[in-house]
Amino acid sequence: MGREEILNHIQNNPDVSVLIIGGGINGIGTFRDLALQGVDVLLVEMNDFCSGASAGSSHMVHGGLRYLENGEFRLVREALTERNRLLQNAPHYVKPLPTTIPIFTAFSGMLNAPLKF
């Protein structure tokens, strides 16, 4: 179906179960989830998809390890869950990268860690 055919179809059949306004990461993610469930869903976007804030992405997916420093274990768990979901659902888009953790002395961080909690 081309653009004109799609627009004609929408004009002739305006009733949809869910209308999503905005094609950013949240709108597209919601659209995908609902469409996979078989829900009749329509997404409209003023510009190109992900042309706003989503277009400025660093394209990095991290496991939230930086939140360990402040003891935010809930955020680490949430970030790791999302990262694992992306690795499972879109292995062609994401891949693990090696991580280097600088350790300057044998005791670096041992004193800071308890103070953060």
PDB file of N, CA and C in Angstrom:
ATOM      1  N   MET A   1       0.832  -1.184   0.000  1.00  0.00           N
ATOM      2  CA  MET A   1       0.000   0.000   0.000  1.00  0.00           C
ATOM      3  C   MET A   1       0.871   1.239   0.000  1.00  0.00           C
ATOM      4  N   GLY A   2       0.577   2.177  -0.860  1.00  0.00           N
ATOM      5  CA  GLY A   2       1.305   3.437  -0.898  1.00  0.00           C
ATOM      6  C   GLY A   2       0.699   4.451   0.050  1.00  0.00           C
ATOM      7  N   ARG A   3       1.331   5.597   0.157  1.00  0.00           N
ATOM      8  CA  ARG A   3       0.881   6.659   1.064  1.00  0.00           C
ATOM      9  C   ARG A   3      -0.549   7.093   0.770  1.00  0.00           C
ATOM     10  N   GLU A   4      -0.848   7.343  -0.506  1.00  0.00           N
ATOM     11  CA  GLU A   4      -2.194   7.802  -0.884  1.00  0.00           C
ATOM     12  C   GLU A   4      -3.249   6.755  -0.546  1.00  0.00           C
ATOM     13  N   GLU A   5      -2.934   5.498  -0.789  1.00  0.00           N
ATOM     14  CA  GLU A   5      -3.891   4.431  -0.477  1.00  0.00           C
ATOM     15  C   GLU A   5      -4.141   4.341   1.030  1.00  0.00           C
ATOM     16  N   ILE A   6      -3.072   4.480   1.795  1.00  0.00           N
ATOM     17  CA  ILE A   6      -3.207   4.433   3.251  1.00  0.00           C
ATOM     18  C   ILE A   6      -4.065   5.594   3.746  1.00  0.00           C
ATOM     19  N   LEU A   7      -3.803   6.802   3.252  1.00  0.00           N
ATOM     20  CA  LEU A   7      -4.592   7.970   3.668  1.00  0.00           C
ATOM     21  C   LEU A   7      -6.050   7.814   3.265  1.00  0.00           C
ATOM     22  N   ASN A   8      -6.309   7.309   2.064  1.00  0.00           N
ATOM     23  CA  ASN A   8      -7.698   7.069   1.629  1.00  0.00           C
ATOM     24  C   ASN A   8      -8.375   6.044   2.517  1.00  0.00           C
ATOM     25  N   HIS A   9      -7.659   4.996   2.878  1.00  0.00           N
ATOM     26  CA  HIS A   9      -8.227   3.963   3.751  1.00  0.00           C
ATOM     27  C   HIS A   9      -8.599   4.548   5.115  1.00  0.00           C
ATOM     28  N   ILE A  10      -7.702   5.398   5.666  1.00  0.00           N
ATOM     29  CA  ILE A  10      -7.974   6.018   6.970  1.00  0.00           C
ATOM     30  C   ILE A  10      -9.175   6.950   6.880  1.00  0.00           C
ATOM     31  N   GLN A  11      -9.282   7.713   5.787  1.00  0.00           N
ATOM     32  CA  GLN A  11     -10.412   8.628   5.618  1.00  0.00           C
ATOM     33  C   GLN A  11     -11.725   7.866   5.458  1.00  0.00           C
ATOM     34  N   ASN A  12     -11.688   6.734   4.783  1.00  0.00           N
ATOM     35  CA  ASN A  12     -12.906   5.948   4.566  1.00  0.00           C
ATOM     36  C   ASN A  12     -13.273   5.103   5.776  1.00  0.00           C
ATOM     37  N   ASN A  13     -12.313   4.785   6.621  1.00  0.00           N
ATOM     38  CA  ASN A  13     -12.540   3.974   7.830  1.00  0.00           C
ATOM     39  C   ASN A  13     -11.910   4.675   9.028  1.00  0.00           C
ATOM     40  N   PRO A  14     -12.521   5.757   9.507  1.00  0.00           N
ATOM     41  CA  PRO A  14     -11.885   6.553  10.560  1.00  0.00           C
ATOM     42  C   PRO A  14     -11.941   5.932  11.957  1.00  0.00           C
ATOM     43  N   ASP A  15     -12.716   4.870  12.143  1.00  0.00           N
ATOM     44  CA  ASP A  15     -12.851   4.273  13.473  1.00  0.00           C
ATOM     45  C   ASP A  15     -11.683   3.328  13.766  1.00  0.00           C
ATOM     46  N   VAL A  16     -10.946   3.610  14.838  1.00  0.00           N
ATOM     47  CA  VAL A  16      -9.872   2.744  15.314  1.00  0.00           C
ATOM     48  C   VAL A  16     -10.044   2.568  16.814  1.00  0.00           C
ATOM     49  N   SER A  17      -9.514   1.470  17.326  1.00  0.00           N
ATOM     50  CA  SER A  17      -9.611   1.228  18.771  1.00  0.00           C
ATOM     51  C   SER A  17      -8.735   2.183  19.563  1.00  0.00           C
ATOM     52  N   VAL A  18      -7.515   2.432  19.050  1.00  0.00           N
ATOM     53  CA  VAL A  18      -6.564   3.296  19.756  1.00  0.00           C
ATOM     54  C   VAL A  18      -5.926   4.246  18.753  1.00  0.00           C
ATOM     55  N   LEU A  19      -5.893   5.536  19.100  1.00  0.00           N
ATOM     56  CA  LEU A  19      -5.208   6.547  18.307  1.00  0.00           C
ATOM     57  C   LEU A  19      -4.028   7.052  19.130  1.00  0.00           C
ATOM     58  N   ILE A  20      -2.835   6.935  18.569  1.00  0.00           N
ATOM     59  CA  ILE A  20      -1.630   7.410  19.245  1.00  0.00           C
ATOM     60  C   ILE A  20      -1.153   8.656  18.516  1.00  0.00           C
ATOM     61  N   ILE A  21      -0.996   9.735  19.253  1.00  0.00           N
ATOM     62  CA  ILE A  21      -0.520  10.993  18.672  1.00  0.00           C
ATOM     63  C   ILE A  21       0.928  11.178  19.103  1.00  0.00           C
ATOM     64  N   GLY A  22       1.827  11.142  18.140  1.00  0.00           N
ATOM     65  CA  GLY A  22       3.244  11.329  18.408  1.00  0.00           C
ATOM     66  C   GLY A  22       4.031  10.063  18.122  1.00  0.00           C
ATOM     67  N   GLY A  23       4.995  10.181  17.228  1.00  0.00           N
ATOM     68  CA  GLY A  23       5.794   9.036  16.814  1.00  0.00           C
ATOM     69  C   GLY A  23       7.177   9.026  17.419  1.00  0.00           C
ATOM     70  N   GLY A  24       7.280   9.464  18.672  1.00  0.00           N
ATOM     71  CA  GLY A  24       8.558   9.359  19.376  1.00  0.00           C
ATOM     72  C   GLY A  24       8.744   7.935  19.863  1.00  0.00           C
ATOM     73  N   ILE A  25       9.730   7.731  20.697  1.00  0.00           N
ATOM     74  CA  ILE A  25      10.041   6.388  21.166  1.00  0.00           C
ATOM     75  C   ILE A  25       8.879   5.777  21.937  1.00  0.00           C
ATOM     76  N   ASN A  26       8.180   6.572  22.730  1.00  0.00           N
ATOM     77  CA  ASN A  26       7.048   6.034  23.488  1.00  0.00           C
ATOM     78  C   ASN A  26       5.867   5.721  22.587  1.00  0.00           C
ATOM     79  N   GLY A  27       5.589   6.611  21.636  1.00  0.00           N
ATOM     80  CA  GLY A  27       4.485   6.373  20.714  1.00  0.00           C
ATOM     81  C   GLY A  27       4.717   5.151  19.845  1.00  0.00           C
ATOM     82  N   ILE A  28       5.918   5.024  19.305  1.00  0.00           N
ATOM     83  CA  ILE A  28       6.223   3.886  18.443  1.00  0.00           C
ATOM     84  C   ILE A  28       6.248   2.595  19.247  1.00  0.00           C
ATOM     85  N   GLY A  29       6.801   2.650  20.449  1.00  0.00           N
ATOM     86  CA  GLY A  29       6.826   1.458  21.303  1.00  0.00           C
ATOM     87  C   GLY A  29       5.425   0.994  21.666  1.00  0.00           C
ATOM     88  N   THR A  30       4.559   1.944  21.996  1.00  0.00           N
ATOM     89  CA  THR A  30       3.166   1.613  22.312  1.00  0.00           C
ATOM     90  C   THR A  30       2.465   1.055  21.086  1.00  0.00           C
ATOM     91  N   PHE A  31       2.687   1.697  19.930  1.00  0.00           N
ATOM     92  CA  PHE A  31       2.094   1.219  18.679  1.00  0.00           C
ATOM     93  C   PHE A  31       2.514  -0.224  18.402  1.00  0.00           C
ATOM     94  N   ARG A  32       3.797  -0.495  18.523  1.00  0.00           N
ATOM     95  CA  ARG A  32       4.305  -1.837  18.252  1.00  0.00           C
ATOM     96  C   ARG A  32       3.673  -2.867  19.174  1.00  0.00           C
ATOM     97  N   ASP A  33       3.643  -2.545  20.462  1.00  0.00           N
ATOM     98  CA  ASP A  33       3.093  -3.474  21.444  1.00  0.00           C
ATOM     99  C   ASP A  33       1.627  -3.785  21.157  1.00  0.00           C
ATOM    100  N   LEU A  34       0.836  -2.727  20.898  1.00  0.00           N
ATOM    101  CA  LEU A  34      -0.588  -2.935  20.618  1.00  0.00           C
ATOM    102  C   LEU A  34      -0.808  -3.679  19.301  1.00  0.00           C
ATOM    103  N   ALA A  35      -0.043  -3.326  18.274  1.00  0.00           N
ATOM    104  CA  ALA A  35      -0.187  -3.990  16.974  1.00  0.00           C
ATOM    105  C   ALA A  35       0.147  -5.471  17.081  1.00  0.00           C
ATOM    106  N   LEU A  36       1.175  -5.821  17.861  1.00  0.00           N
ATOM    107  CA  LEU A  36       1.533  -7.226  18.042  1.00  0.00           C
ATOM    108  C   LEU A  36       0.445  -7.997  18.775  1.00  0.00           C
ATOM    109  N   GLN A  37      -0.360  -7.276  19.561  1.00  0.00           N
ATOM    110  CA  GLN A  37      -1.473  -7.913  20.264  1.00  0.00           C
ATOM    111  C   GLN A  37      -2.737  -7.973  19.408  1.00  0.00           C
ATOM    112  N   GLY A  38      -2.663  -7.443  18.192  1.00  0.00           N
ATOM    113  CA  GLY A  38      -3.809  -7.485  17.289  1.00  0.00           C
ATOM    114  C   GLY A  38      -4.808  -6.352  17.482  1.00  0.00           C
ATOM    115  N   VAL A  39      -4.422  -5.320  18.229  1.00  0.00           N
ATOM    116  CA  VAL A  39      -5.302  -4.186  18.464  1.00  0.00           C
ATOM    117  C   VAL A  39      -5.294  -3.294  17.220  1.00  0.00           C
ATOM    118  N   ASP A  40      -6.457  -2.778  16.851  1.00  0.00           N
ATOM    119  CA  ASP A  40      -6.579  -1.854  15.726  1.00  0.00           C
ATOM    120  C   ASP A  40      -6.082  -0.490  16.196  1.00  0.00           C
ATOM    121  N   VAL A  41      -4.877  -0.135  15.788  1.00  0.00           N
ATOM    122  CA  VAL A  41      -4.225   1.063  16.302  1.00  0.00           C
ATOM    123  C   VAL A  41      -3.729   1.926  15.148  1.00  0.00           C
ATOM    124  N   LEU A  42      -3.815   3.248  15.330  1.00  0.00           N
ATOM    125  CA  LEU A  42      -3.347   4.208  14.335  1.00  0.00           C
ATOM    126  C   LEU A  42      -2.406   5.181  15.031  1.00  0.00           C
ATOM    127  N   LEU A  43      -1.234   5.408  14.435  1.00  0.00           N
ATOM    128  CA  LEU A  43      -0.264   6.353  14.967  1.00  0.00           C
ATOM    129  C   LEU A  43      -0.149   7.511  13.986  1.00  0.00           C
ATOM    130  N   VAL A  44      -0.285   8.734  14.484  1.00  0.00           N
ATOM    131  CA  VAL A  44      -0.098   9.917  13.643  1.00  0.00           C
ATOM    132  C   VAL A  44       1.045  10.744  14.203  1.00  0.00           C
ATOM    133  N   GLU A  45       1.820  11.323  13.292  1.00  0.00           N
ATOM    134  CA  GLU A  45       2.984  12.117  13.667  1.00  0.00           C
ATOM    135  C   GLU A  45       3.053  13.330  12.756  1.00  0.00           C
ATOM    136  N   MET A  46       3.331  14.493  13.329  1.00  0.00           N
ATOM    137  CA  MET A  46       3.389  15.731  12.565  1.00  0.00           C
ATOM    138  C   MET A  46       4.584  15.734  11.610  1.00  0.00           C
ATOM    139  N   ASN A  47       5.729  15.232  12.065  1.00  0.00           N
ATOM    140  CA  ASN A  47       6.942  15.212  11.253  1.00  0.00           C
ATOM    141  C   ASN A  47       7.326  13.769  10.960  1.00  0.00           C
ATOM    142  N   ASP A  48       8.605  13.542  10.731  1.00  0.00           N
ATOM    143  CA  ASP A  48       9.089  12.190  10.527  1.00  0.00           C
ATOM    144  C   ASP A  48       9.143  11.495  11.887  1.00  0.00           C
ATOM    145  N   PHE A  49       9.018  10.178  11.897  1.00  0.00           N
ATOM    146  CA  PHE A  49       9.077   9.440  13.152  1.00  0.00           C
ATOM    147  C   PHE A  49      10.408   9.682  13.846  1.00  0.00           C
ATOM    148  N   CYS A  50      10.353   9.862  15.143  1.00  0.00           N
ATOM    149  CA  CYS A  50      11.534  10.092  15.983  1.00  0.00           C
ATOM    150  C   CYS A  50      12.335  11.314  15.544  1.00  0.00           C
ATOM    151  N   SER A  51      11.659  12.335  15.067  1.00  0.00           N
ATOM    152  CA  SER A  51      12.382  13.526  14.608  1.00  0.00           C
ATOM    153  C   SER A  51      12.619  14.528  15.733  1.00  0.00           C
ATOM    154  N   GLY A  52      11.957  14.348  16.844  1.00  0.00           N
ATOM    155  CA  GLY A  52      12.141  15.278  17.965  1.00  0.00           C
ATOM    156  C   GLY A  52      13.264  14.837  18.875  1.00  0.00           C
ATOM    157  N   ALA A  53      12.977  14.720  20.146  1.00  0.00           N
ATOM    158  CA  ALA A  53      14.000  14.356  21.123  1.00  0.00           C
ATOM    159  C   ALA A  53      14.585  12.983  20.841  1.00  0.00           C
ATOM    160  N   SER A  54      13.774  12.076  20.324  1.00  0.00           N
ATOM    161  CA  SER A  54      14.268  10.732  20.043  1.00  0.00           C
ATOM    162  C   SER A  54      15.348  10.739  18.978  1.00  0.00           C
ATOM    163  N   ALA A  55      15.352  11.735  18.115  1.00  0.00           N
ATOM    164  CA  ALA A  55      16.354  11.796  17.050  1.00  0.00           C
ATOM    165  C   ALA A  55      17.733  12.121  17.606  1.00  0.00           C
ATOM    166  N   GLY A  56      17.786  12.694  18.802  1.00  0.00           N
ATOM    167  CA  GLY A  56      19.056  13.069  19.403  1.00  0.00           C
ATOM    168  C   GLY A  56      19.661  11.970  20.260  1.00  0.00           C
ATOM    169  N   SER A  57      19.219  10.750  20.094  1.00  0.00           N
ATOM    170  CA  SER A  57      19.697   9.635  20.902  1.00  0.00           C
ATOM    171  C   SER A  57      21.174   9.368  20.653  1.00  0.00           C
ATOM    172  N   SER A  58      21.853   8.906  21.686  1.00  0.00           N
ATOM    173  CA  SER A  58      23.253   8.513  21.540  1.00  0.00           C
ATOM    174  C   SER A  58      23.369   7.112  20.954  1.00  0.00           C
ATOM    175  N   HIS A  59      22.245   6.441  20.799  1.00  0.00           N
ATOM    176  CA  HIS A  59      22.173   5.075  20.266  1.00  0.00           C
ATOM    177  C   HIS A  59      22.914   4.088  21.155  1.00  0.00           C
ATOM    178  N   MET A  60      23.005   4.387  22.439  1.00  0.00           N
ATOM    179  CA  MET A  60      23.663   3.484  23.368  1.00  0.00           C
ATOM    180  C   MET A  60      22.620   2.891  24.304  1.00  0.00           C
ATOM    181  N   VAL A  61      22.755   1.622  24.556  1.00  0.00           N
ATOM    182  CA  VAL A  61      21.911   0.931  25.528  1.00  0.00           C
ATOM    183  C   VAL A  61      22.847   0.493  26.637  1.00  0.00           C
ATOM    184  N   HIS A  62      22.572   0.914  27.850  1.00  0.00           N
ATOM    185  CA  HIS A  62      23.460   0.525  28.946  1.00  0.00           C
ATOM    186  C   HIS A  62      22.680  -0.236  29.992  1.00  0.00           C
ATOM    187  N   GLY A  63      23.418  -0.968  30.794  1.00  0.00           N
ATOM    188  CA  GLY A  63      22.794  -1.794  31.820  1.00  0.00           C
ATOM    189  C   GLY A  63      22.601  -1.088  33.136  1.00  0.00           C
ATOM    190  N   GLY A  64      22.834   0.205  33.190  1.00  0.00           N
ATOM    191  CA  GLY A  64      22.583   0.966  34.403  1.00  0.00           C
ATOM    192  C   GLY A  64      23.638   0.819  35.475  1.00  0.00           C
ATOM    193  N   LEU A  65      24.818   0.329  35.101  1.00  0.00           N
ATOM    194  CA  LEU A  65      25.861   0.128  36.110  1.00  0.00           C
ATOM    195  C   LEU A  65      26.257   1.414  36.811  1.00  0.00           C
ATOM    196  N   ARG A  66      26.101   2.541  36.128  1.00  0.00           N
ATOM    197  CA  ARG A  66      26.484   3.805  36.760  1.00  0.00           C
ATOM    198  C   ARG A  66      25.611   4.130  37.970  1.00  0.00           C
ATOM    199  N   TYR A  67      24.420   3.518  38.044  1.00  0.00           N
ATOM    200  CA  TYR A  67      23.532   3.763  39.181  1.00  0.00           C
ATOM    201  C   TYR A  67      23.980   3.001  40.429  1.00  0.00           C
ATOM    202  N   LEU A  68      24.875   2.025  40.260  1.00  0.00           N
ATOM    203  CA  LEU A  68      25.386   1.298  41.422  1.00  0.00           C
ATOM    204  C   LEU A  68      26.142   2.225  42.367  1.00  0.00           C
ATOM    205  N   GLU A  69      26.817   3.213  41.792  1.00  0.00           N
ATOM    206  CA  GLU A  69      27.620   4.140  42.590  1.00  0.00           C
ATOM    207  C   GLU A  69      26.790   4.815  43.679  1.00  0.00           C
ATOM    208  N   ASN A  70      25.534   5.113  43.353  1.00  0.00           N
ATOM    209  CA  ASN A  70      24.661   5.785  44.327  1.00  0.00           C
ATOM    210  C   ASN A  70      23.732   4.820  45.043  1.00  0.00           C
ATOM    211  N   GLY A  71      23.928   3.526  44.819  1.00  0.00           N
ATOM    212  CA  GLY A  71      23.103   2.530  45.497  1.00  0.00           C
ATOM    213  C   GLY A  71      21.678   2.465  44.990  1.00  0.00           C
ATOM    214  N   GLU A  72      21.441   2.857  43.740  1.00  0.00           N
ATOM    215  CA  GLU A  72      20.091   2.840  43.170  1.00  0.00           C
ATOM    216  C   GLU A  72      19.847   1.498  42.482  1.00  0.00           C
ATOM    217  N   PHE A  73      19.679   0.465  43.295  1.00  0.00           N
ATOM    218  CA  PHE A  73      19.568  -0.903  42.781  1.00  0.00           C
ATOM    219  C   PHE A  73      18.310  -1.118  41.938  1.00  0.00           C
ATOM    220  N   ARG A  74      17.235  -0.429  42.265  1.00  0.00           N
ATOM    221  CA  ARG A  74      16.010  -0.562  41.488  1.00  0.00           C
ATOM    222  C   ARG A  74      16.241  -0.105  40.048  1.00  0.00           C
ATOM    223  N   LEU A  75      16.937   1.029  39.879  1.00  0.00           N
ATOM    224  CA  LEU A  75      17.230   1.529  38.537  1.00  0.00           C
ATOM    225  C   LEU A  75      18.157   0.591  37.780  1.00  0.00           C
ATOM    226  N   VAL A  76      19.133   0.004  38.488  1.00  0.00           N
ATOM    227  CA  VAL A  76      20.047  -0.947  37.843  1.00  0.00           C
ATOM    228  C   VAL A  76      19.255  -2.150  37.344  1.00  0.00           C
ATOM    229  N   ARG A  77      18.398  -2.666  38.196  1.00  0.00           N
ATOM    230  CA  ARG A  77      17.588  -3.832  37.804  1.00  0.00           C
ATOM    231  C   ARG A  77      16.701  -3.498  36.603  1.00  0.00           C
ATOM    232  N   GLU A  78      16.052  -2.345  36.629  1.00  0.00           N
ATOM    233  CA  GLU A  78      15.176  -1.932  35.529  1.00  0.00           C
ATOM    234  C   GLU A  78      15.963  -1.779  34.223  1.00  0.00           C
ATOM    235  N   ALA A  79      17.133  -1.132  34.292  1.00  0.00           N
ATOM    236  CA  ALA A  79      17.949  -0.925  33.096  1.00  0.00           C
ATOM    237  C   ALA A  79      18.451  -2.260  32.542  1.00  0.00           C
ATOM    238  N   LEU A  80      18.862  -3.160  33.414  1.00  0.00           N
ATOM    239  CA  LEU A  80      19.339  -4.474  32.959  1.00  0.00           C
ATOM    240  C   LEU A  80      18.208  -5.291  32.343  1.00  0.00           C
ATOM    241  N   THR A  81      17.026  -5.191  32.910  1.00  0.00           N
ATOM    242  CA  THR A  81      15.870  -5.904  32.349  1.00  0.00           C
ATOM    243  C   THR A  81      15.563  -5.404  30.946  1.00  0.00           C
ATOM    244  N   GLU A  82      15.564  -4.084  30.766  1.00  0.00           N
ATOM    245  CA  GLU A  82      15.302  -3.508  29.446  1.00  0.00           C
ATOM    246  C   GLU A  82      16.411  -3.854  28.457  1.00  0.00           C
ATOM    247  N   ARG A  83      17.655  -3.807  28.932  1.00  0.00           N
ATOM    248  CA  ARG A  83      18.773  -4.172  28.053  1.00  0.00           C
ATOM    249  C   ARG A  83      18.652  -5.617  27.596  1.00  0.00           C
ATOM    250  N   ASN A  84      18.328  -6.518  28.512  1.00  0.00           N
ATOM    251  CA  ASN A  84      18.178  -7.929  28.156  1.00  0.00           C
ATOM    252  C   ASN A  84      17.007  -8.136  27.204  1.00  0.00           C
ATOM    253  N   ARG A  85      15.957  -7.363  27.391  1.00  0.00           N
ATOM    254  CA  ARG A  85      14.811  -7.462  26.484  1.00  0.00           C
ATOM    255  C   ARG A  85      15.202  -7.024  25.067  1.00  0.00           C
ATOM    256  N   LEU A  86      15.991  -5.964  24.969  1.00  0.00           N
ATOM    257  CA  LEU A  86      16.460  -5.520  23.662  1.00  0.00           C
ATOM    258  C   LEU A  86      17.390  -6.559  23.022  1.00  0.00           C
ATOM    259  N   LEU A  87      18.269  -7.145  23.814  1.00  0.00           N
ATOM    260  CA  LEU A  87      19.153  -8.187  23.284  1.00  0.00           C
ATOM    261  C   LEU A  87      18.361  -9.372  22.753  1.00  0.00           C
ATOM    262  N   GLN A  88      17.243  -9.671  23.401  1.00  0.00           N
ATOM    263  CA  GLN A  88      16.406 -10.796  22.974  1.00  0.00           C
ATOM    264  C   GLN A  88      15.546 -10.429  21.768  1.00  0.00           C
ATOM    265  N   ASN A  89      14.923  -9.254  21.789  1.00  0.00           N
ATOM    266  CA  ASN A  89      13.976  -8.867  20.741  1.00  0.00           C
ATOM    267  C   ASN A  89      14.637  -8.276  19.508  1.00  0.00           C
ATOM    268  N   ALA A  90      15.783  -7.654  19.665  1.00  0.00           N
ATOM    269  CA  ALA A  90      16.411  -6.967  18.531  1.00  0.00           C
ATOM    270  C   ALA A  90      17.920  -7.187  18.516  1.00  0.00           C
ATOM    271  N   PRO A  91      18.367  -8.448  18.423  1.00  0.00           N
ATOM    272  CA  PRO A  91      19.807  -8.696  18.446  1.00  0.00           C
ATOM    273  C   PRO A  91      20.542  -8.089  17.252  1.00  0.00           C
ATOM    274  N   HIS A  92      19.802  -7.764  16.201  1.00  0.00           N
ATOM    275  CA  HIS A  92      20.410  -7.131  15.035  1.00  0.00           C
ATOM    276  C   HIS A  92      20.672  -5.645  15.265  1.00  0.00           C
ATOM    277  N   TYR A  93      20.128  -5.069  16.330  1.00  0.00           N
ATOM    278  CA  TYR A  93      20.341  -3.654  16.638  1.00  0.00           C
ATOM    279  C   TYR A  93      21.305  -3.426  17.796  1.00  0.00           C
ATOM    280  N   VAL A  94      21.361  -4.352  18.720  1.00  0.00           N
ATOM    281  CA  VAL A  94      22.186  -4.153  19.912  1.00  0.00           C
ATOM    282  C   VAL A  94      23.165  -5.312  20.070  1.00  0.00           C
ATOM    283  N   LYS A  95      24.319  -5.011  20.623  1.00  0.00           N
ATOM    284  CA  LYS A  95      25.299  -6.048  20.925  1.00  0.00           C
ATOM    285  C   LYS A  95      26.096  -5.599  22.148  1.00  0.00           C
ATOM    286  N   PRO A  96      26.456  -6.551  22.988  1.00  0.00           N
ATOM    287  CA  PRO A  96      27.245  -6.199  24.172  1.00  0.00           C
ATOM    288  C   PRO A  96      28.633  -5.700  23.769  1.00  0.00           C
ATOM    289  N   LEU A  97      29.128  -4.741  24.511  1.00  0.00           N
ATOM    290  CA  LEU A  97      30.480  -4.222  24.308  1.00  0.00           C
ATOM    291  C   LEU A  97      31.307  -4.537  25.547  1.00  0.00           C
ATOM    292  N   PRO A  98      32.596  -4.756  25.360  1.00  0.00           N
ATOM    293  CA  PRO A  98      33.435  -4.992  26.537  1.00  0.00           C
ATOM    294  C   PRO A  98      33.473  -3.745  27.424  1.00  0.00           C
ATOM    295  N   THR A  99      33.562  -3.966  28.704  1.00  0.00           N
ATOM    296  CA  THR A  99      33.568  -2.861  29.659  1.00  0.00           C
ATOM    297  C   THR A  99      34.896  -2.840  30.403  1.00  0.00           C
ATOM    298  N   THR A 100      35.440  -1.674  30.562  1.00  0.00           N
ATOM    299  CA  THR A 100      36.677  -1.501  31.321  1.00  0.00           C
ATOM    300  C   THR A 100      36.360  -0.705  32.570  1.00  0.00           C
ATOM    301  N   ILE A 101      36.749  -1.245  33.696  1.00  0.00           N
ATOM    302  CA  ILE A 101      36.535  -0.547  34.959  1.00  0.00           C
ATOM    303  C   ILE A 101      37.908  -0.160  35.506  1.00  0.00           C
ATOM    304  N   PRO A 102      38.197   1.132  35.560  1.00  0.00           N
ATOM    305  CA  PRO A 102      39.522   1.544  36.047  1.00  0.00           C
ATOM    306  C   PRO A 102      39.644   1.356  37.556  1.00  0.00           C
ATOM    307  N   ILE A 103      40.694   0.691  37.955  1.00  0.00           N
ATOM    308  CA  ILE A 103      40.991   0.513  39.373  1.00  0.00           C
ATOM    309  C   ILE A 103      42.392   1.068  39.584  1.00  0.00           C
ATOM    310  N   PHE A 104      42.491   2.128  40.344  1.00  0.00           N
ATOM    311  CA  PHE A 104      43.763   2.799  40.527  1.00  0.00           C
ATOM    312  C   PHE A 104      44.585   2.213  41.671  1.00  0.00           C
ATOM    313  N   THR A 105      43.899   1.759  42.708  1.00  0.00           N
ATOM    314  CA  THR A 105      44.595   1.094  43.812  1.00  0.00           C
ATOM    315  C   THR A 105      43.747  -0.093  44.242  1.00  0.00           C
ATOM    316  N   ALA A 106      44.339  -0.945  45.023  1.00  0.00           N
ATOM    317  CA  ALA A 106      43.625  -2.141  45.476  1.00  0.00           C
ATOM    318  C   ALA A 106      42.415  -1.771  46.339  1.00  0.00           C
ATOM    319  N   PHE A 107      42.474  -0.607  46.989  1.00  0.00           N
ATOM    320  CA  PHE A 107      41.398  -0.226  47.899  1.00  0.00           C
ATOM    321  C   PHE A 107      40.503   0.876  47.355  1.00  0.00           C
ATOM    322  N   SER A 108      40.703   1.284  46.085  1.00  0.00           N
ATOM    323  CA  SER A 108      39.883   2.384  45.563  1.00  0.00           C
ATOM    324  C   SER A 108      38.420   1.960  45.542  1.00  0.00           C
ATOM    325  N   GLY A 109      37.604   2.761  46.095  1.00  0.00           N
ATOM    326  CA  GLY A 109      36.177   2.487  46.137  1.00  0.00           C
ATOM    327  C   GLY A 109      35.714   1.772  47.379  1.00  0.00           C
ATOM    328  N   MET A 110      36.613   1.090  48.055  1.00  0.00           N
ATOM    329  CA  MET A 110      36.204   0.339  49.258  1.00  0.00           C
ATOM    330  C   MET A 110      35.732   1.266  50.367  1.00  0.00           C
ATOM    331  N   LEU A 111      36.307   2.445  50.433  1.00  0.00           N
ATOM    332  CA  LEU A 111      35.891   3.399  51.458  1.00  0.00           C
ATOM    333  C   LEU A 111      34.711   4.231  50.976  1.00  0.00           C
ATOM    334  N   ASN A 112      34.678   4.538  49.675  1.00  0.00           N
ATOM    335  CA  ASN A 112      33.572   5.344  49.132  1.00  0.00           C
ATOM    336  C   ASN A 112      32.248   4.585  49.139  1.00  0.00           C
ATOM    337  N   ALA A 113      32.274   3.316  48.791  1.00  0.00           N
ATOM    338  CA  ALA A 113      31.046   2.543  48.660  1.00  0.00           C
ATOM    339  C   ALA A 113      30.188   2.566  49.915  1.00  0.00           C
ATOM    340  N   PRO A 114      30.738   2.246  51.116  1.00  0.00           N
ATOM    341  CA  PRO A 114      29.886   2.275  52.310  1.00  0.00           C
ATOM    342  C   PRO A 114      29.335   3.669  52.628  1.00  0.00           C
ATOM    343  N   LEU A 115      30.103   4.696  52.275  1.00  0.00           N
ATOM    344  CA  LEU A 115      29.649   6.069  52.561  1.00  0.00           C
ATOM    345  C   LEU A 115      28.441   6.435  51.689  1.00  0.00           C
ATOM    346  N   LYS A 116      28.323   5.831  50.515  1.00  0.00           N
ATOM    347  CA  LYS A 116      27.186   6.135  49.621  1.00  0.00           C
ATOM    348  C   LYS A 116      25.879   5.574  50.181  1.00  0.00           C
ATOM    349  N   PHE A 117      25.979   4.515  50.991  1.00  0.00           N
ATOM    350  CA  PHE A 117      24.768   3.910  51.535  1.00  0.00           C
ATOM    351  C   PHE A 117      24.409   4.556  52.837  1.00  0.00           C
TER     352      PHE A 117
END
